PDB file of N, CA and C in Angstrom:
ATOM      1  N   MET A   1     -22.864 -10.919  47.882  1.00  0.00           N
ATOM      2  CA  MET A   1     -21.731 -11.833  48.024  1.00  0.00           C
ATOM      3  C   MET A   1     -21.728 -12.995  47.068  1.00  0.00           C
ATOM      4  N   LYS A   2     -22.997 -13.569  46.951  1.00  0.00           N
ATOM      5  CA  LYS A   2     -23.206 -14.745  46.066  1.00  0.00           C
ATOM      6  C   LYS A   2     -22.706 -14.410  44.538  1.00  0.00           C
ATOM      7  N   ASN A   3     -22.795 -13.208  44.229  1.00  0.00           N
ATOM      8  CA  ASN A   3     -22.526 -12.829  42.756  1.00  0.00           C
ATOM      9  C   ASN A   3     -20.873 -12.951  42.571  1.00  0.00           C
ATOM     10  N   ALA A   4     -20.154 -12.462  43.654  1.00  0.00           N
ATOM     11  CA  ALA A   4     -18.861 -12.536  43.614  1.00  0.00           C
ATOM     12  C   ALA A   4     -18.270 -14.104  43.612  1.00  0.00           C
ATOM     13  N   THR A   5     -18.831 -14.671  44.254  1.00  0.00           N
ATOM     14  CA  THR A   5     -18.513 -16.185  44.550  1.00  0.00           C
ATOM     15  C   THR A   5     -18.835 -16.911  43.143  1.00  0.00           C
ATOM     16  N   SER A   6     -19.994 -16.484  42.654  1.00  0.00           N
ATOM     17  CA  SER A   6     -20.347 -17.274  41.165  1.00  0.00           C
ATOM     18  C   SER A   6     -19.442 -16.802  40.275  1.00  0.00           C
ATOM     19  N   ASN A   7     -18.965 -15.538  40.135  1.00  0.00           N
ATOM     20  CA  ASN A   7     -17.888 -15.202  39.168  1.00  0.00           C
ATOM     21  C   ASN A   7     -16.556 -15.844  39.390  1.00  0.00           C
ATOM     22  N   PHE A   8     -16.289 -15.879  40.806  1.00  0.00           N
ATOM     23  CA  PHE A   8     -14.940 -16.621  40.938  1.00  0.00           C
ATOM     24  C   PHE A   8     -15.039 -18.136  40.569  1.00  0.00           C
ATOM     25  N   ASN A   9     -16.337 -18.690  40.728  1.00  0.00           N
ATOM     26  CA  ASN A   9     -16.430 -20.203  40.370  1.00  0.00           C
ATOM     27  C   ASN A   9     -16.400 -20.137  38.837  1.00  0.00           C
ATOM     28  N   LEU A  10     -16.984 -19.304  38.018  1.00  0.00           N
ATOM     29  CA  LEU A  10     -17.051 -19.369  36.742  1.00  0.00           C
ATOM     30  C   LEU A  10     -15.581 -19.036  36.289  1.00  0.00           C
ATOM     31  N   LEU A  11     -14.723 -17.993  36.887  1.00  0.00           N
ATOM     32  CA  LEU A  11     -13.537 -17.847  36.398  1.00  0.00           C
ATOM     33  C   LEU A  11     -12.578 -19.256  36.633  1.00  0.00           C
ATOM     34  N   SER A  12     -12.791 -19.799  37.836  1.00  0.00           N
ATOM     35  CA  SER A  12     -12.062 -20.954  38.124  1.00  0.00           C
ATOM     36  C   SER A  12     -12.342 -22.083  37.140  1.00  0.00           C
ATOM     37  N   PHE A  13     -13.715 -22.145  36.792  1.00  0.00           N
ATOM     38  CA  PHE A  13     -14.140 -23.223  35.821  1.00  0.00           C
ATOM     39  C   PHE A  13     -13.460 -22.874  34.476  1.00  0.00           C
ATOM     40  N   ILE A  14     -13.482 -21.712  34.028  1.00  0.00           N
ATOM     41  CA  ILE A  14     -12.988 -21.433  32.623  1.00  0.00           C
ATOM     42  C   ILE A  14     -11.333 -21.578  32.680  1.00  0.00           C
ATOM     43  N   LEU A  15     -10.632 -21.276  33.572  1.00  0.00           N
ATOM     44  CA  LEU A  15      -9.217 -21.576  33.637  1.00  0.00           C
ATOM     45  C   LEU A  15      -8.928 -22.980  33.622  1.00  0.00           C
ATOM     46  N   ALA A  16      -9.733 -23.875  34.444  1.00  0.00           N
ATOM     47  CA  ALA A  16      -9.529 -25.238  34.612  1.00  0.00           C
ATOM     48  C   ALA A  16      -9.860 -25.844  33.204  1.00  0.00           C
ATOM     49  N   ASP A  17     -10.745 -25.504  32.514  1.00  0.00           N
ATOM     50  CA  ASP A  17     -11.126 -25.771  31.190  1.00  0.00           C
ATOM     51  C   ASP A  17      -9.976 -25.577  30.188  1.00  0.00           C
ATOM     52  N   LEU A  18      -9.308 -24.198  30.256  1.00  0.00           N
ATOM     53  CA  LEU A  18      -8.193 -23.980  29.553  1.00  0.00           C
ATOM     54  C   LEU A  18      -7.200 -24.826  29.841  1.00  0.00           C
ATOM     55  N   ALA A  19      -7.033 -25.296  30.894  1.00  0.00           N
ATOM     56  CA  ALA A  19      -5.714 -26.037  31.409  1.00  0.00           C
ATOM     57  C   ALA A  19      -5.974 -27.424  30.955  1.00  0.00           C
ATOM     58  N   ARG A  20      -6.982 -27.827  30.702  1.00  0.00           N
ATOM     59  CA  ARG A  20      -7.493 -29.254  30.125  1.00  0.00           C
ATOM     60  C   ARG A  20      -7.223 -29.435  28.844  1.00  0.00           C
ATOM     61  N   HIS A  21      -7.313 -28.327  27.888  1.00  0.00           N
ATOM     62  CA  HIS A  21      -7.081 -28.443  26.625  1.00  0.00           C
ATOM     63  C   HIS A  21      -6.150 -27.373  26.185  1.00  0.00           C
ATOM     64  N   PRO A  22      -4.867 -27.536  26.345  1.00  0.00           N
ATOM     65  CA  PRO A  22      -3.915 -26.490  26.048  1.00  0.00           C
ATOM     66  C   PRO A  22      -3.717 -26.543  24.423  1.00  0.00           C
ATOM     67  N   VAL A  23      -3.883 -27.477  23.692  1.00  0.00           N
ATOM     68  CA  VAL A  23      -3.632 -27.587  22.360  1.00  0.00           C
ATOM     69  C   VAL A  23      -4.716 -26.708  21.591  1.00  0.00           C
ATOM     70  N   ARG A  24      -5.954 -26.722  22.113  1.00  0.00           N
ATOM     71  CA  ARG A  24      -6.958 -25.971  21.457  1.00  0.00           C
ATOM     72  C   ARG A  24      -6.730 -24.489  21.793  1.00  0.00           C
ATOM     73  N   VAL A  25      -6.251 -24.276  22.876  1.00  0.00           N
ATOM     74  CA  VAL A  25      -5.897 -22.817  23.197  1.00  0.00           C
ATOM     75  C   VAL A  25      -4.881 -22.314  22.333  1.00  0.00           C
ATOM     76  N   LEU A  26      -3.684 -23.087  22.202  1.00  0.00           N
ATOM     77  CA  LEU A  26      -2.640 -22.713  21.543  1.00  0.00           C
ATOM     78  C   LEU A  26      -3.109 -22.612  19.831  1.00  0.00           C
ATOM     79  N   LEU A  27      -4.019 -23.299  19.467  1.00  0.00           N
ATOM     80  CA  LEU A  27      -4.558 -23.387  18.012  1.00  0.00           C
ATOM     81  C   LEU A  27      -5.322 -22.049  18.057  1.00  0.00           C
ATOM     82  N   PHE A  28      -6.303 -21.807  18.871  1.00  0.00           N
ATOM     83  CA  PHE A  28      -6.929 -20.499  18.891  1.00  0.00           C
ATOM     84  C   PHE A  28      -6.063 -19.291  18.849  1.00  0.00           C
ATOM     85  N   LEU A  29      -5.092 -19.357  19.561  1.00  0.00           N
ATOM     86  CA  LEU A  29      -4.116 -18.066  19.615  1.00  0.00           C
ATOM     87  C   LEU A  29      -3.400 -18.157  18.378  1.00  0.00           C
ATOM     88  N   ALA A  30      -3.109 -19.129  17.669  1.00  0.00           N
ATOM     89  CA  ALA A  30      -2.358 -19.282  16.458  1.00  0.00           C
ATOM     90  C   ALA A  30      -3.304 -18.709  15.311  1.00  0.00           C
ATOM     91  N   VAL A  31      -4.456 -18.988  15.389  1.00  0.00           N
ATOM     92  CA  VAL A  31      -5.532 -18.470  14.411  1.00  0.00           C
ATOM     93  C   VAL A  31      -5.631 -17.003  14.484  1.00  0.00           C
ATOM     94  N   LEU A  32      -5.689 -16.368  15.670  1.00  0.00           N
ATOM     95  CA  LEU A  32      -5.737 -15.105  15.957  1.00  0.00           C
ATOM     96  C   LEU A  32      -4.642 -14.244  15.407  1.00  0.00           C
ATOM     97  N   VAL A  33      -3.397 -14.777  15.714  1.00  0.00           N
ATOM     98  CA  VAL A  33      -2.247 -14.278  15.229  1.00  0.00           C
ATOM     99  C   VAL A  33      -2.128 -14.322  13.640  1.00  0.00           C
ATOM    100  N   SER A  34      -2.587 -15.294  13.129  1.00  0.00           N
ATOM    101  CA  SER A  34      -2.374 -15.518  11.723  1.00  0.00           C
ATOM    102  C   SER A  34      -3.315 -14.492  11.032  1.00  0.00           C
ATOM    103  N   ALA A  35      -4.504 -14.268  11.842  1.00  0.00           N
ATOM    104  CA  ALA A  35      -5.610 -13.258  11.201  1.00  0.00           C
ATOM    105  C   ALA A  35      -5.082 -11.893  11.290  1.00  0.00           C
ATOM    106  N   GLY A  36      -4.376 -11.664  12.285  1.00  0.00           N
ATOM    107  CA  GLY A  36      -3.702 -10.275  12.431  1.00  0.00           C
ATOM    108  C   GLY A  36      -2.568 -10.209  11.563  1.00  0.00           C
ATOM    109  N   LEU A  37      -1.790 -11.144  11.233  1.00  0.00           N
ATOM    110  CA  LEU A  37      -0.685 -10.947  10.172  1.00  0.00           C
ATOM    111  C   LEU A  37      -1.389 -10.762   8.667  1.00  0.00           C
ATOM    112  N   VAL A  38      -2.303 -11.498   8.419  1.00  0.00           N
ATOM    113  CA  VAL A  38      -3.096 -11.451   7.178  1.00  0.00           C
ATOM    114  C   VAL A  38      -3.527  -9.921   7.073  1.00  0.00           C
ATOM    115  N   ILE A  39      -3.948  -9.375   7.913  1.00  0.00           N
ATOM    116  CA  ILE A  39      -4.467  -8.047   7.941  1.00  0.00           C
ATOM    117  C   ILE A  39      -3.349  -7.122   7.756  1.00  0.00           C
ATOM    118  N   LEU A  40      -2.402  -7.211   8.451  1.00  0.00           N
ATOM    119  CA  LEU A  40      -1.278  -6.324   8.319  1.00  0.00           C
ATOM    120  C   LEU A  40      -0.546  -6.565   7.007  1.00  0.00           C
ATOM    121  N   SER A  41      -0.442  -7.717   6.443  1.00  0.00           N
ATOM    122  CA  SER A  41       0.003  -7.995   5.127  1.00  0.00           C
ATOM    123  C   SER A  41      -0.728  -7.417   4.023  1.00  0.00           C
ATOM    124  N   ALA A  42      -2.043  -7.531   4.047  1.00  0.00           N
ATOM    125  CA  ALA A  42      -2.916  -6.747   3.116  1.00  0.00           C
ATOM    126  C   ALA A  42      -2.757  -5.224   3.216  1.00  0.00           C
ATOM    127  N   HIS A  43      -2.805  -4.602   4.429  1.00  0.00           N
ATOM    128  CA  HIS A  43      -2.466  -3.296   4.598  1.00  0.00           C
ATOM    129  C   HIS A  43      -1.189  -2.787   3.883  1.00  0.00           C
ATOM    130  N   HIS A  44      -0.150  -3.568   4.036  1.00  0.00           N
ATOM    131  CA  HIS A  44       1.216  -3.163   3.589  1.00  0.00           C
ATOM    132  C   HIS A  44       1.023  -3.365   2.191  1.00  0.00           C
ATOM    133  N   ASN A  45       0.449  -4.384   1.474  1.00  0.00           N
ATOM    134  CA  ASN A  45       0.255  -4.535   0.033  1.00  0.00           C
ATOM    135  C   ASN A  45      -0.254  -3.374  -0.543  1.00  0.00           C
ATOM    136  N   ARG A  46      -1.332  -3.045   0.204  1.00  0.00           N
ATOM    137  CA  ARG A  46      -2.046  -1.661  -0.516  1.00  0.00           C
ATOM    138  C   ARG A  46      -1.209  -0.588  -0.542  1.00  0.00           C
ATOM    139  N   GLN A  47      -0.422  -0.344   0.599  1.00  0.00           N
ATOM    140  CA  GLN A  47       0.391   0.878   0.716  1.00  0.00           C
ATOM    141  C   GLN A  47       1.453   0.725  -0.520  1.00  0.00           C
ATOM    142  N   MET A  48       2.082  -0.409  -0.581  1.00  0.00           N
ATOM    143  CA  MET A  48       3.072  -0.603  -1.586  1.00  0.00           C
ATOM    144  C   MET A  48       2.451  -0.420  -2.968  1.00  0.00           C
ATOM    145  N   SER A  49       1.147  -0.714  -3.122  1.00  0.00           N
ATOM    146  CA  SER A  49       0.484  -0.544  -4.589  1.00  0.00           C
ATOM    147  C   SER A  49       0.540   0.832  -5.063  1.00  0.00           C
ATOM    148  N   MET A  50      -0.096   1.674  -3.900  1.00  0.00           N
ATOM    149  CA  MET A  50      -0.277   3.059  -3.903  1.00  0.00           C
ATOM    150  C   MET A  50       1.070   3.742  -4.447  1.00  0.00           C
ATOM    151  N   ALA A  51       2.183   3.306  -3.526  1.00  0.00           N
ATOM    152  CA  ALA A  51       3.503   3.951  -3.952  1.00  0.00           C
ATOM    153  C   ALA A  51       3.958   3.736  -5.184  1.00  0.00           C
ATOM    154  N   ILE A  52       3.794   2.465  -5.640  1.00  0.00           N
ATOM    155  CA  ILE A  52       4.090   1.996  -7.166  1.00  0.00           C
ATOM    156  C   ILE A  52       3.409   2.801  -8.108  1.00  0.00           C
ATOM    157  N   GLU A  53       2.155   3.151  -7.941  1.00  0.00           N
ATOM    158  CA  GLU A  53       1.312   3.899  -8.753  1.00  0.00           C
ATOM    159  C   GLU A  53       1.673   5.323  -8.927  1.00  0.00           C
ATOM    160  N   ARG A  54       1.952   5.994  -7.728  1.00  0.00           N
ATOM    161  CA  ARG A  54       2.664   7.293  -7.598  1.00  0.00           C
ATOM    162  C   ARG A  54       3.902   7.298  -8.389  1.00  0.00           C
ATOM    163  N   LEU A  55       4.795   6.372  -8.225  1.00  0.00           N
ATOM    164  CA  LEU A  55       6.203   6.571  -8.751  1.00  0.00           C
ATOM    165  C   LEU A  55       5.980   6.371 -10.229  1.00  0.00           C
ATOM    166  N   MET A  56       4.985   5.492 -10.675  1.00  0.00           N
ATOM    167  CA  MET A  56       4.622   5.435 -12.097  1.00  0.00           C
ATOM    168  C   MET A  56       4.273   6.586 -12.857  1.00  0.00           C
ATOM    169  N   GLN A  57       3.459   7.405 -11.948  1.00  0.00           N
ATOM    170  CA  GLN A  57       2.733   8.548 -12.624  1.00  0.00           C
ATOM    171  C   GLN A  57       4.032   9.658 -12.685  1.00  0.00           C
ATOM    172  N   GLU A  58       4.860   9.709 -11.797  1.00  0.00           N
ATOM    173  CA  GLU A  58       5.957  10.457 -11.600  1.00  0.00           C
ATOM    174  C   GLU A  58       7.002  10.098 -12.766  1.00  0.00           C
ATOM    175  N   GLN A  59       7.175   8.926 -13.147  1.00  0.00           N
ATOM    176  CA  GLN A  59       8.057   8.521 -14.313  1.00  0.00           C
ATOM    177  C   GLN A  59       7.563   8.886 -15.509  1.00  0.00           C
ATOM    178  N   ASP A  60       6.199   8.881 -15.665  1.00  0.00           N
ATOM    179  CA  ASP A  60       5.395   9.296 -16.869  1.00  0.00           C
ATOM    180  C   ASP A  60       5.598  10.902 -17.116  1.00  0.00           C
ATOM    181  N   ARG A  61       5.473  11.621 -16.020  1.00  0.00           N
ATOM    182  CA  ARG A  61       5.564  12.843 -15.962  1.00  0.00           C
ATOM    183  C   ARG A  61       7.065  13.438 -16.548  1.00  0.00           C
ATOM    184  N   LEU A  62       8.049  12.672 -15.804  1.00  0.00           N
ATOM    185  CA  LEU A  62       9.428  13.021 -16.132  1.00  0.00           C
ATOM    186  C   LEU A  62       9.691  12.529 -17.538  1.00  0.00           C
ATOM    187  N   ASP A  63       9.241  11.512 -18.034  1.00  0.00           N
ATOM    188  CA  ASP A  63       9.370  11.086 -19.506  1.00  0.00           C
ATOM    189  C   ASP A  63       8.812  12.139 -20.411  1.00  0.00           C
ATOM    190  N   VAL A  64       7.846  12.558 -20.310  1.00  0.00           N
ATOM    191  CA  VAL A  64       7.204  13.711 -21.118  1.00  0.00           C
ATOM    192  C   VAL A  64       8.032  14.812 -21.019  1.00  0.00           C
ATOM    193  N   GLU A  65       8.521  15.293 -19.837  1.00  0.00           N
ATOM    194  CA  GLU A  65       9.355  16.337 -19.824  1.00  0.00           C
ATOM    195  C   GLU A  65      10.705  16.160 -20.395  1.00  0.00           C
ATOM    196  N   TRP A  66      11.362  14.992 -20.292  1.00  0.00           N
ATOM    197  CA  TRP A  66      12.431  14.697 -20.875  1.00  0.00           C
ATOM    198  C   TRP A  66      12.449  14.792 -22.475  1.00  0.00           C
ATOM    199  N   ARG A  67      11.351  14.237 -23.041  1.00  0.00           N
ATOM    200  CA  ARG A  67      10.931  14.497 -24.490  1.00  0.00           C
ATOM    201  C   ARG A  67      10.903  15.750 -24.878  1.00  0.00           C
ATOM    202  N   HIS A  68      10.137  16.614 -24.089  1.00  0.00           N
ATOM    203  CA  HIS A  68      10.274  18.082 -24.480  1.00  0.00           C
ATOM    204  C   HIS A  68      11.531  18.666 -24.318  1.00  0.00           C
ATOM    205  N   LEU A  69      12.376  18.446 -23.323  1.00  0.00           N
ATOM    206  CA  LEU A  69      13.620  18.936 -23.366  1.00  0.00           C
ATOM    207  C   LEU A  69      14.351  18.485 -24.556  1.00  0.00           C
ATOM    208  N   VAL A  70      14.426  17.311 -25.033  1.00  0.00           N
ATOM    209  CA  VAL A  70      15.241  16.798 -26.107  1.00  0.00           C
ATOM    210  C   VAL A  70      14.868  17.586 -27.368  1.00  0.00           C
ATOM    211  N   LEU A  71      13.394  17.824 -27.588  1.00  0.00           N
ATOM    212  CA  LEU A  71      13.100  18.540 -28.696  1.00  0.00           C
ATOM    213  C   LEU A  71      13.559  19.886 -28.662  1.00  0.00           C
ATOM    214  N   GLU A  72      13.450  20.542 -27.434  1.00  0.00           N
ATOM    215  CA  GLU A  72      13.908  22.018 -27.344  1.00  0.00           C
ATOM    216  C   GLU A  72      15.421  22.091 -27.651  1.00  0.00           C
ATOM    217  N   GLN A  73      16.127  21.083 -27.006  1.00  0.00           N
ATOM    218  CA  GLN A  73      17.556  20.951 -27.346  1.00  0.00           C
ATOM    219  C   GLN A  73      17.976  20.934 -28.992  1.00  0.00           C
ATOM    220  N   SER A  74      17.214  20.036 -29.547  1.00  0.00           N
ATOM    221  CA  SER A  74      17.438  19.777 -30.924  1.00  0.00           C
ATOM    222  C   SER A  74      17.110  21.049 -31.771  1.00  0.00           C
ATOM    223  N   ALA A  75      16.046  21.746 -31.402  1.00  0.00           N
ATOM    224  CA  ALA A  75      15.588  22.948 -31.900  1.00  0.00           C
ATOM    225  C   ALA A  75      16.660  24.211 -31.795  1.00  0.00           C
ATOM    226  N   LEU A  76      17.231  24.269 -30.505  1.00  0.00           N
ATOM    227  CA  LEU A  76      18.333  25.325 -30.158  1.00  0.00           C
ATOM    228  C   LEU A  76      19.611  25.043 -30.804  1.00  0.00           C
ATOM    229  N   ALA A  77      19.860  23.683 -31.228  1.00  0.00           N
ATOM    230  CA  ALA A  77      21.168  23.324 -31.722  1.00  0.00           C
ATOM    231  C   ALA A  77      21.261  23.315 -33.171  1.00  0.00           C
ATOM    232  N   GLU A  78      20.012  23.590 -33.955  1.00  0.00           N
ATOM    233  CA  GLU A  78      20.195  23.655 -35.343  1.00  0.00           C
ATOM    234  C   GLU A  78      21.198  24.505 -35.697  1.00  0.00           C
ATOM    235  N   HIS A  79      21.846  24.182 -36.747  1.00  0.00           N
ATOM    236  CA  HIS A  79      23.094  24.784 -37.391  1.00  0.00           C
ATOM    237  C   HIS A  79      22.502  26.075 -37.999  1.00  0.00           C
ATOM    238  N   SER A  80      21.390  26.034 -38.826  1.00  0.00           N
ATOM    239  CA  SER A  80      21.011  27.270 -39.291  1.00  0.00           C
ATOM    240  C   SER A  80      20.660  28.476 -38.366  1.00  0.00           C
ATOM    241  N   ARG A  81      20.080  27.855 -37.130  1.00  0.00           N
ATOM    242  CA  ARG A  81      19.716  28.898 -36.090  1.00  0.00           C
ATOM    243  C   ARG A  81      20.779  29.560 -35.442  1.00  0.00           C
ATOM    244  N   ILE A  82      21.913  28.749 -35.271  1.00  0.00           N
ATOM    245  CA  ILE A  82      23.126  29.271 -34.722  1.00  0.00           C
ATOM    246  C   ILE A  82      23.776  30.166 -35.741  1.00  0.00           C
ATOM    247  N   GLU A  83      23.810  29.853 -36.910  1.00  0.00           N
ATOM    248  CA  GLU A  83      24.422  30.712 -37.834  1.00  0.00           C
ATOM    249  C   GLU A  83      23.792  32.047 -37.922  1.00  0.00           C
ATOM    250  N   ASN A  84      22.306  31.986 -38.076  1.00  0.00           N
ATOM    251  CA  ASN A  84      21.713  33.310 -37.954  1.00  0.00           C
ATOM    252  C   ASN A  84      21.964  34.087 -36.885  1.00  0.00           C
ATOM    253  N   LEU A  85      21.911  33.618 -35.705  1.00  0.00           N
ATOM    254  CA  LEU A  85      22.369  34.330 -34.252  1.00  0.00           C
ATOM    255  C   LEU A  85      23.547  34.935 -34.336  1.00  0.00           C
ATOM    256  N   VAL A  86      24.581  34.146 -34.887  1.00  0.00           N
ATOM    257  CA  VAL A  86      26.023  34.758 -34.967  1.00  0.00           C
ATOM    258  C   VAL A  86      26.166  35.839 -36.023  1.00  0.00           C
ATOM    259  N   LYS A  87      25.322  35.758 -37.086  1.00  0.00           N
ATOM    260  CA  LYS A  87      25.267  36.854 -38.104  1.00  0.00           C
ATOM    261  C   LYS A  87      24.561  38.186 -37.461  1.00  0.00           C
ATOM    262  N   LYS A  88      23.481  37.834 -36.738  1.00  0.00           N
ATOM    263  CA  LYS A  88      22.822  38.983 -36.209  1.00  0.00           C
ATOM    264  C   LYS A  88      23.287  39.709 -34.860  1.00  0.00           C
ATOM    265  N   LYS A  89      23.718  38.825 -34.036  1.00  0.00           N
ATOM    266  CA  LYS A  89      24.029  39.430 -32.771  1.00  0.00           C
ATOM    267  C   LYS A  89      25.523  39.659 -32.583  1.00  0.00           C
ATOM    268  N   LEU A  90      26.499  38.898 -33.407  1.00  0.00           N
ATOM    269  CA  LEU A  90      27.890  39.193 -33.265  1.00  0.00           C
ATOM    270  C   LEU A  90      28.650  39.598 -34.611  1.00  0.00           C
ATOM    271  N   ASP A  91      27.645  39.818 -35.654  1.00  0.00           N
ATOM    272  CA  ASP A  91      27.981  40.441 -36.729  1.00  0.00           C
ATOM    273  C   ASP A  91      29.192  39.646 -37.355  1.00  0.00           C
ATOM    274  N   MET A  92      29.232  38.331 -37.424  1.00  0.00           N
ATOM    275  CA  MET A  92      30.278  37.490 -37.892  1.00  0.00           C
ATOM    276  C   MET A  92      29.673  36.896 -39.200  1.00  0.00           C
ATOM    277  N   HIS A  93      30.728  36.612 -40.087  1.00  0.00           N
ATOM    278  CA  HIS A  93      30.552  36.152 -41.285  1.00  0.00           C
ATOM    279  C   HIS A  93      31.475  35.222 -41.777  1.00  0.00           C
ATOM    280  N   ARG A  94      31.320  34.471 -42.699  1.00  0.00           N
ATOM    281  CA  ARG A  94      32.438  33.358 -43.290  1.00  0.00           C
ATOM    282  C   ARG A  94      33.360  34.260 -43.865  1.00  0.00           C
ATOM    283  N   PRO A  95      34.697  34.117 -43.590  1.00  0.00           N
ATOM    284  CA  PRO A  95      35.779  34.632 -44.453  1.00  0.00           C
ATOM    285  C   PRO A  95      35.907  34.283 -45.879  1.00  0.00           C
ATOM    286  N   ASP A  96      36.164  35.343 -46.501  1.00  0.00           N
ATOM    287  CA  ASP A  96      36.582  35.014 -48.034  1.00  0.00           C
ATOM    288  C   ASP A  96      37.839  34.136 -48.161  1.00  0.00           C
ATOM    289  N   PRO A  97      37.862  33.240 -49.306  1.00  0.00           N
ATOM    290  CA  PRO A  97      38.991  32.404 -49.420  1.00  0.00           C
ATOM    291  C   PRO A  97      40.129  33.198 -49.533  1.00  0.00           C
ATOM    292  N   ASN A  98      40.387  34.413 -49.873  1.00  0.00           N
ATOM    293  CA  ASN A  98      41.447  35.139 -49.853  1.00  0.00           C
ATOM    294  C   ASN A  98      41.928  35.477 -48.357  1.00  0.00           C
ATOM    295  N   ASP A  99      40.945  35.502 -47.408  1.00  0.00           N
ATOM    296  CA  ASP A  99      41.268  35.938 -46.147  1.00  0.00           C
ATOM    297  C   ASP A  99      41.588  34.790 -45.259  1.00  0.00           C
ATOM    298  N   GLU A 100      41.525  33.464 -45.815  1.00  0.00           N
ATOM    299  CA  GLU A 100      41.800  32.332 -45.106  1.00  0.00           C
ATOM    300  C   GLU A 100      43.440  32.251 -44.820  1.00  0.00           C
ATOM    301  N   VAL A 101      43.636  31.822 -43.645  1.00  0.00           N
ATOM    302  CA  VAL A 101      45.077  31.484 -43.473  1.00  0.00           C
ATOM    303  C   VAL A 101      45.083  30.145 -42.978  1.00  0.00           C
ATOM    304  N   VAL A 102      45.928  29.285 -43.641  1.00  0.00           N
ATOM    305  CA  VAL A 102      46.095  27.898 -43.294  1.00  0.00           C
ATOM    306  C   VAL A 102      47.445  27.735 -42.538  1.00  0.00           C
ATOM    307  N   VAL A 103      47.389  26.994 -41.398  1.00  0.00           N
ATOM    308  CA  VAL A 103      48.507  26.853 -40.655  1.00  0.00           C
ATOM    309  C   VAL A 103      48.811  25.514 -40.661  1.00  0.00           C
ATOM    310  N   ARG A 104      50.043  25.179 -40.924  1.00  0.00           N
ATOM    311  CA  ARG A 104      50.585  23.663 -41.110  1.00  0.00           C
ATOM    312  C   ARG A 104      51.417  23.447 -39.688  1.00  0.00           C
ATOM    313  N   LEU A 105      51.229  22.327 -39.037  1.00  0.00           N
ATOM    314  CA  LEU A 105      52.063  21.869 -37.850  1.00  0.00           C
ATOM    315  C   LEU A 105      53.108  20.914 -38.365  1.00  0.00           C
ATOM    316  N   LYS A 106      54.273  20.954 -37.898  1.00  0.00           N
ATOM    317  CA  LYS A 106      55.325  19.886 -38.210  1.00  0.00           C
ATOM    318  C   LYS A 106      55.184  18.821 -37.326  1.00  0.00           C
TER     319      LYS A 106
END
């Protein structure tokens, strides 16, 4: 029974001490809250840095793919290539000057 009484006396002593120094208690709580917010801020900053890094890698990959597509487009759109395909696959050729017909609009 003495142990329970001493625990109660200790608890009442701590509560009385806290009541006598409310500013210190508030400062202590403010320090704890501030430390927690610093930890959360650092964690959020790391997450955002990793997301930026992933997005920059994706941007680089897409930039390389776009350059390849531009090169492919220019190669496929070459006039000589199109002319050769038209001759081979469609059996088309340039008309003779005698076969040309000029249409004039009024």
